[in-house]
C-alpha atoms as a PDB file:
ATOM      1  CA  MET A   1      96.743-116.994  54.210  1.00  0.00           C
ATOM      2  CA  PHE A   2      95.229-119.774  57.458  1.00  0.00           C
ATOM      3  CA  ILE A   3      98.604-120.813  59.019  1.00  0.00           C
ATOM      4  CA  PRO A   4      97.064-123.466  62.358  1.00  0.00           C
ATOM      5  CA  ASN A   5      98.485-123.310  65.413  1.00  0.00           C
ATOM      6  CA  SER A   6     100.247-125.741  66.553  1.00  0.00           C
ATOM      7  CA  SER A   7      98.197-126.929  69.036  1.00  0.00           C
ATOM      8  CA  LEU A   8      95.461-127.342  66.514  1.00  0.00           C
ATOM      9  CA  VAL A   9      97.982-129.561  64.558  1.00  0.00           C
ATOM     10  CA  PHE A  10      98.911-131.884  67.440  1.00  0.00           C
ATOM     11  CA  SER A  11      95.617-132.363  68.345  1.00  0.00           C
ATOM     12  CA  LEU A  12      94.666-133.311  64.554  1.00  0.00           C
ATOM     13  CA  LEU A  13      97.531-135.383  64.280  1.00  0.00           C
ATOM     14  CA  MET A  14      96.441-137.468  67.344  1.00  0.00           C
ATOM     15  CA  ASN A  15      92.833-137.668  66.415  1.00  0.00           C
ATOM     16  CA  VAL A  16      94.113-139.323  63.286  1.00  0.00           C
ATOM     17  CA  LEU A  17      96.206-141.699  65.528  1.00  0.00           C
ATOM     18  CA  VAL A  18      93.187-142.448  67.867  1.00  0.00           C
ATOM     19  CA  LEU A  19      90.707-143.125  64.591  1.00  0.00           C
ATOM     20  CA  GLY A  20      93.523-144.901  62.273  1.00  0.00           C
ATOM     21  CA  PHE A  21      93.999-147.342  66.204  1.00  0.00           C
ATOM     22  CA  CYS A  22      90.037-147.752  66.918  1.00  0.00           C
ATOM     23  CA  ILE A  23      89.687-148.709  62.929  1.00  0.00           C
ATOM     24  CA  PHE A  24      93.087-151.314  63.406  1.00  0.00           C
ATOM     25  CA  ILE A  25      91.328-152.700  66.661  1.00  0.00           C
ATOM     26  CA  TYR A  26      87.889-153.213  64.971  1.00  0.00           C
ATOM     27  CA  PHE A  27      88.362-153.557  61.286  1.00  0.00           C
ATOM     28  CA  LYS A  28      86.976-157.015  61.154  1.00  0.00           C
ATOM     29  CA  GLU A  29      84.048-156.296  63.238  1.00  0.00           C
ATOM     30  CA  LEU A  30      83.580-152.894  61.139  1.00  0.00           C
ATOM     31  CA  ARG A  31      84.199-154.627  57.575  1.00  0.00           C
ATOM     32  CA  ASP A  32      81.555-156.742  58.690  1.00  0.00           C
ATOM     33  CA  CYS A  33      78.745-154.596  60.344  1.00  0.00           C
ATOM     34  CA  VAL A  34      79.419-152.236  57.053  1.00  0.00           C
ATOM     35  CA  LYS A  35      78.261-154.959  54.897  1.00  0.00           C
ATOM     36  CA  THR A  36      75.468-155.735  56.761  1.00  0.00           C
ATOM     37  CA  PHE A  37      74.400-152.259  57.401  1.00  0.00           C
ATOM     38  CA  PHE A  38      74.064-151.189  53.877  1.00  0.00           C
ATOM     39  CA  LYS A  39      72.811-154.766  52.928  1.00  0.00           C
ATOM     40  CA  ASN A  40      69.697-153.957  54.724  1.00  0.00           C
ATOM     41  CA  PHE A  41      69.446-150.337  54.954  1.00  0.00           C
ATOM     42  CA  ARG A  42      66.276-149.199  54.599  1.00  0.00           C
ATOM     43  CA  ALA A  43      65.559-151.830  57.385  1.00  0.00           C
ATOM     44  CA  TYR A  44      67.778-150.163  60.206  1.00  0.00           C
ATOM     45  CA  VAL A  45      66.945-146.642  58.863  1.00  0.00           C
ATOM     46  CA  SER A  46      63.015-148.086  59.758  1.00  0.00           C
ATOM     47  CA  TYR A  47      64.209-149.065  62.559  1.00  0.00           C
ATOM     48  CA  ILE A  48      66.574-146.580  63.870  1.00  0.00           C
ATOM     49  CA  PHE A  49      64.061-142.658  63.012  1.00  0.00           C
ATOM     50  CA  PRO A  50      60.953-143.746  64.838  1.00  0.00           C
ATOM     51  CA  ARG A  51      63.248-144.468  67.865  1.00  0.00           C
ATOM     52  CA  LEU A  52      65.417-141.314  67.249  1.00  0.00           C
ATOM     53  CA  GLY A  53      62.661-139.267  67.408  1.00  0.00           C
ATOM     54  CA  LEU A  54      61.640-140.067  70.205  1.00  0.00           C
ATOM     55  CA  MET A  55      65.103-139.664  71.649  1.00  0.00           C
ATOM     56  CA  TYR A  56      65.392-135.998  70.747  1.00  0.00           C
ATOM     57  CA  ILE A  57      62.227-135.151  72.386  1.00  0.00           C
ATOM     58  CA  ILE A  58      62.978-136.509  75.733  1.00  0.00           C
ATOM     59  CA  TYR A  59      66.897-134.943  74.538  1.00  0.00           C
ATOM     60  CA  PHE A  60      65.307-131.243  74.139  1.00  0.00           C
ATOM     61  CA  VAL A  61      62.870-131.473  76.866  1.00  0.00           C
ATOM     62  CA  LEU A  62      66.249-132.351  79.214  1.00  0.00           C
ATOM     63  CA  SER A  63      68.535-129.648  77.431  1.00  0.00           C
ATOM     64  CA  PHE A  64      65.762-127.206  77.670  1.00  0.00           C
ATOM     65  CA  ILE A  65      65.577-127.267  81.578  1.00  0.00           C
ATOM     66  CA  CYS A  66      69.150-127.617  81.847  1.00  0.00           C
ATOM     67  CA  ILE A  67      70.251-124.617  79.940  1.00  0.00           C
ATOM     68  CA  ILE A  68      66.934-121.992  79.865  1.00  0.00           C
ATOM     69  CA  VAL A  69      64.757-123.300  83.317  1.00  0.00           C
ATOM     70  CA  LEU A  70      68.214-124.714  85.403  1.00  0.00           C
ATOM     71  CA  GLY A  71      70.121-121.262  83.513  1.00  0.00           C
ATOM     72  CA  LEU A  72      72.932-123.266  83.129  1.00  0.00           C
ATOM     73  CA  GLY A  73      73.396-122.325  79.291  1.00  0.00           C
ATOM     74  CA  VAL A  74      75.296-124.120  76.993  1.00  0.00           C
ATOM     75  CA  SER A  75      77.901-126.562  77.894  1.00  0.00           C
ATOM     76  CA  GLU A  76      81.472-126.535  78.089  1.00  0.00           C
ATOM     77  CA  ASN A  77      81.717-129.020  74.960  1.00  0.00           C
ATOM     78  CA  GLN A  78      79.520-126.893  73.051  1.00  0.00           C
ATOM     79  CA  LEU A  79      81.607-124.203  73.574  1.00  0.00           C
ATOM     80  CA  ALA A  80      84.850-125.375  72.494  1.00  0.00           C
ATOM     81  CA  ILE A  81      82.963-126.974  69.290  1.00  0.00           C
ATOM     82  CA  GLU A  82      82.056-123.614  68.298  1.00  0.00           C
ATOM     83  CA  SER A  83      85.374-121.552  69.421  1.00  0.00           C
ATOM     84  CA  MET A  84      87.172-123.864  67.323  1.00  0.00           C
ATOM     85  CA  PRO A  85      88.166-123.538  63.436  1.00  0.00           C
ATOM     86  CA  ILE A  86      85.450-124.471  61.147  1.00  0.00           C
ATOM     87  CA  TRP A  87      87.630-127.076  59.073  1.00  0.00           C
ATOM     88  CA  TYR A  88      88.685-128.785  62.020  1.00  0.00           C
ATOM     89  CA  THR A  89      85.386-129.325  63.829  1.00  0.00           C
ATOM     90  CA  LEU A  90      83.457-130.518  61.327  1.00  0.00           C
ATOM     91  CA  PRO A  91      85.409-133.070  59.976  1.00  0.00           C
ATOM     92  CA  LEU A  92      85.684-134.273  64.023  1.00  0.00           C
ATOM     93  CA  ALA A  93      82.386-134.047  64.487  1.00  0.00           C
ATOM     94  CA  VAL A  94      80.992-135.817  61.561  1.00  0.00           C
ATOM     95  CA  LEU A  95      83.218-138.094  60.793  1.00  0.00           C
ATOM     96  CA  TYR A  96      86.082-138.710  63.375  1.00  0.00           C
ATOM     97  CA  ALA A  97      83.379-138.469  66.970  1.00  0.00           C
ATOM     98  CA  PRO A  98      81.007-141.559  65.053  1.00  0.00           C
ATOM     99  CA  ILE A  99      83.607-143.670  64.469  1.00  0.00           C
ATOM    100  CA  VAL A 100      85.721-143.664  67.547  1.00  0.00           C
ATOM    101  CA  GLU A 101      82.681-142.569  70.081  1.00  0.00           C
ATOM    102  CA  GLU A 102      80.671-145.794  68.895  1.00  0.00           C
ATOM    103  CA  ILE A 103      84.207-147.629  69.076  1.00  0.00           C
ATOM    104  CA  LEU A 104      84.989-147.043  72.197  1.00  0.00           C
ATOM    105  CA  PHE A 105      81.964-146.321  74.227  1.00  0.00           C
ATOM    106  CA  ARG A 106      79.164-148.704  72.787  1.00  0.00           C
ATOM    107  CA  GLY A 107      81.652-151.085  71.138  1.00  0.00           C
ATOM    108  CA  CYS A 108      84.457-151.622  73.628  1.00  0.00           C
ATOM    109  CA  PHE A 109      81.323-151.470  76.569  1.00  0.00           C
ATOM    110  CA  ARG A 110      79.590-154.163  75.479  1.00  0.00           C
ATOM    111  CA  LYS A 111      82.223-156.623  75.247  1.00  0.00           C
ATOM    112  CA  PHE A 112      82.466-156.243  78.942  1.00  0.00           C
ATOM    113  CA  ILE A 113      78.803-155.630  79.718  1.00  0.00           C
ATOM    114  CA  LYS A 114      76.553-157.685  78.469  1.00  0.00           C
ATOM    115  CA  ASN A 115      73.414-156.803  80.705  1.00  0.00           C
ATOM    116  CA  ASP A 116      71.019-154.406  78.397  1.00  0.00           C
ATOM    117  CA  VAL A 117      70.221-152.468  81.221  1.00  0.00           C
ATOM    118  CA  ILE A 118      73.606-152.283  83.019  1.00  0.00           C
ATOM    119  CA  TYR A 119      75.159-151.260  79.768  1.00  0.00           C
ATOM    120  CA  ILE A 120      72.959-148.520  78.766  1.00  0.00           C
ATOM    121  CA  ILE A 121      73.131-146.831  81.702  1.00  0.00           C
ATOM    122  CA  VAL A 122      76.508-147.409  82.082  1.00  0.00           C
ATOM    123  CA  SER A 123      77.587-146.229  78.523  1.00  0.00           C
ATOM    124  CA  GLY A 124      75.195-143.533  78.732  1.00  0.00           C
ATOM    125  CA  ALA A 125      76.813-141.925  81.666  1.00  0.00           C
ATOM    126  CA  ILE A 126      80.095-142.259  80.752  1.00  0.00           C
ATOM    127  CA  PHE A 127      79.442-141.293  77.533  1.00  0.00           C
ATOM    128  CA  GLY A 128      77.371-137.900  79.498  1.00  0.00           C
ATOM    129  CA  LEU A 129      80.413-137.368  81.848  1.00  0.00           C
ATOM    130  CA  LEU A 130      82.984-137.215  79.557  1.00  0.00           C
ATOM    131  CA  HIS A 131      81.108-134.460  77.413  1.00  0.00           C
ATOM    132  CA  THR A 132      80.471-132.154  80.454  1.00  0.00           C
ATOM    133  CA  ILE A 133      84.066-132.683  81.924  1.00  0.00           C
ATOM    134  CA  GLY A 134      85.126-128.572  81.388  1.00  0.00           C
ATOM    135  CA  GLN A 135      82.413-127.752  83.249  1.00  0.00           C
ATOM    136  CA  SER A 136      82.893-125.088  86.108  1.00  0.00           C
ATOM    137  CA  SER A 137      81.089-126.720  89.206  1.00  0.00           C
ATOM    138  CA  LEU A 138      80.151-130.644  90.191  1.00  0.00           C
ATOM    139  CA  TYR A 139      76.536-129.669  90.015  1.00  0.00           C
ATOM    140  CA  GLU A 140      76.655-128.513  86.241  1.00  0.00           C
ATOM    141  CA  VAL A 141      78.639-131.435  85.542  1.00  0.00           C
ATOM    142  CA  PHE A 142      76.096-133.901  86.801  1.00  0.00           C
ATOM    143  CA  VAL A 143      72.924-131.352  85.343  1.00  0.00           C
ATOM    144  CA  MET A 144      74.724-130.903  82.009  1.00  0.00           C
ATOM    145  CA  MET A 145      75.497-134.776  81.895  1.00  0.00           C
ATOM    146  CA  ILE A 146      72.020-135.735  81.982  1.00  0.00           C
ATOM    147  CA  PRO A 147      71.017-134.719  78.309  1.00  0.00           C
ATOM    148  CA  TYR A 148      74.590-135.614  76.913  1.00  0.00           C
ATOM    149  CA  GLY A 149      73.781-139.344  78.920  1.00  0.00           C
ATOM    150  CA  VAL A 150      70.611-139.655  77.643  1.00  0.00           C
ATOM    151  CA  LEU A 151      71.888-139.776  74.012  1.00  0.00           C
ATOM    152  CA  GLY A 152      74.817-141.719  74.757  1.00  0.00           C
ATOM    153  CA  GLY A 153      72.361-144.303  76.592  1.00  0.00           C
ATOM    154  CA  PHE A 154      69.904-143.801  73.216  1.00  0.00           C
ATOM    155  CA  PHE A 155      73.211-145.035  71.136  1.00  0.00           C
ATOM    156  CA  ALA A 156      74.118-147.843  73.959  1.00  0.00           C
ATOM    157  CA  TYR A 157      70.281-148.664  72.925  1.00  0.00           C
ATOM    158  CA  LEU A 158      70.498-149.373  69.295  1.00  0.00           C
ATOM    159  CA  TYR A 159      73.622-150.991  69.520  1.00  0.00           C
ATOM    160  CA  SER A 160      72.024-153.298  71.993  1.00  0.00           C
ATOM    161  CA  LYS A 161      69.234-153.607  69.455  1.00  0.00           C
ATOM    162  CA  THR A 162      70.453-154.207  66.262  1.00  0.00           C
ATOM    163  CA  ASN A 163      74.066-155.289  67.267  1.00  0.00           C
ATOM    164  CA  ASN A 164      75.989-153.647  64.230  1.00  0.00           C
ATOM    165  CA  ILE A 165      78.097-150.524  65.588  1.00  0.00           C
ATOM    166  CA  CYS A 166      77.660-149.076  62.031  1.00  0.00           C
ATOM    167  CA  SER A 167      73.495-148.251  63.124  1.00  0.00           C
ATOM    168  CA  ASN A 168      75.561-146.370  66.063  1.00  0.00           C
ATOM    169  CA  MET A 169      77.822-144.176  63.760  1.00  0.00           C
ATOM    170  CA  PHE A 170      74.964-143.258  60.665  1.00  0.00           C
ATOM    171  CA  CYS A 171      73.132-141.686  64.125  1.00  0.00           C
ATOM    172  CA  HIS A 172      75.623-140.243  65.387  1.00  0.00           C
ATOM    173  CA  PHE A 173      76.729-138.998  62.055  1.00  0.00           C
ATOM    174  CA  PHE A 174      73.352-138.024  61.867  1.00  0.00           C
ATOM    175  CA  HIS A 175      73.237-136.203  64.793  1.00  0.00           C
ATOM    176  CA  ASN A 176      76.202-134.386  64.574  1.00  0.00           C
ATOM    177  CA  SER A 177      75.414-133.147  61.088  1.00  0.00           C
ATOM    178  CA  ILE A 178      72.290-131.452  62.449  1.00  0.00           C
ATOM    179  CA  ALA A 179      74.208-130.018  65.232  1.00  0.00           C
ATOM    180  CA  MET A 180      76.914-129.057  62.810  1.00  0.00           C
ATOM    181  CA  ILE A 181      74.449-127.341  60.297  1.00  0.00           C
ATOM    182  CA  MET A 182      72.944-125.568  62.767  1.00  0.00           C
ATOM    183  CA  ILE A 183      76.395-124.288  63.945  1.00  0.00           C
ATOM    184  CA  LEU A 184      77.065-123.303  60.455  1.00  0.00           C
ATOM    185  CA  ILE A 185      73.638-121.662  59.987  1.00  0.00           C
ATOM    186  CA  SER A 186      73.985-119.384  63.311  1.00  0.00           C
ATOM    187  CA  LEU A 187      77.171-118.119  61.560  1.00  0.00           C
ATOM    188  CA  ILE A 188      75.310-116.809  58.671  1.00  0.00           C
END
């Protein structure tokens, strides 16, 4: 029988508290966005997926350059995800991260940064930076930050165009689900 270690239990409790806090703070906006998103689901999806495809081309080229050409390997963020038990990382990646990260990196930043270009750059850069914080050198942080920054910048662009945080959560959910499916396949 698997009994989780205390640090995972503590981490899980902290994540539940952060998730609850984010939902509590953004409850009214989330409620309205969910209604609008599902009412206009086809329109949102038809807007999101062509742009998501273009973002993936850029993201994979940059990731290829970082991992293969520059020889940096996989990011510490990815290694940390892969080292945790799947029962923990799966809901964290596909449920928690899309909700909490979109509220924090897109919702909160948008309240303070009204200029679209500055908002996209700042949101993407901070998103990228926080996803590479465990790298072993400053060089690796900044280089590995680029693909994550493109992803975060895309999410910020999406929010600036749709003005619906649920479109971001959906897109983030989709992205992380694909990543988790790839991890699950590698475990087989």
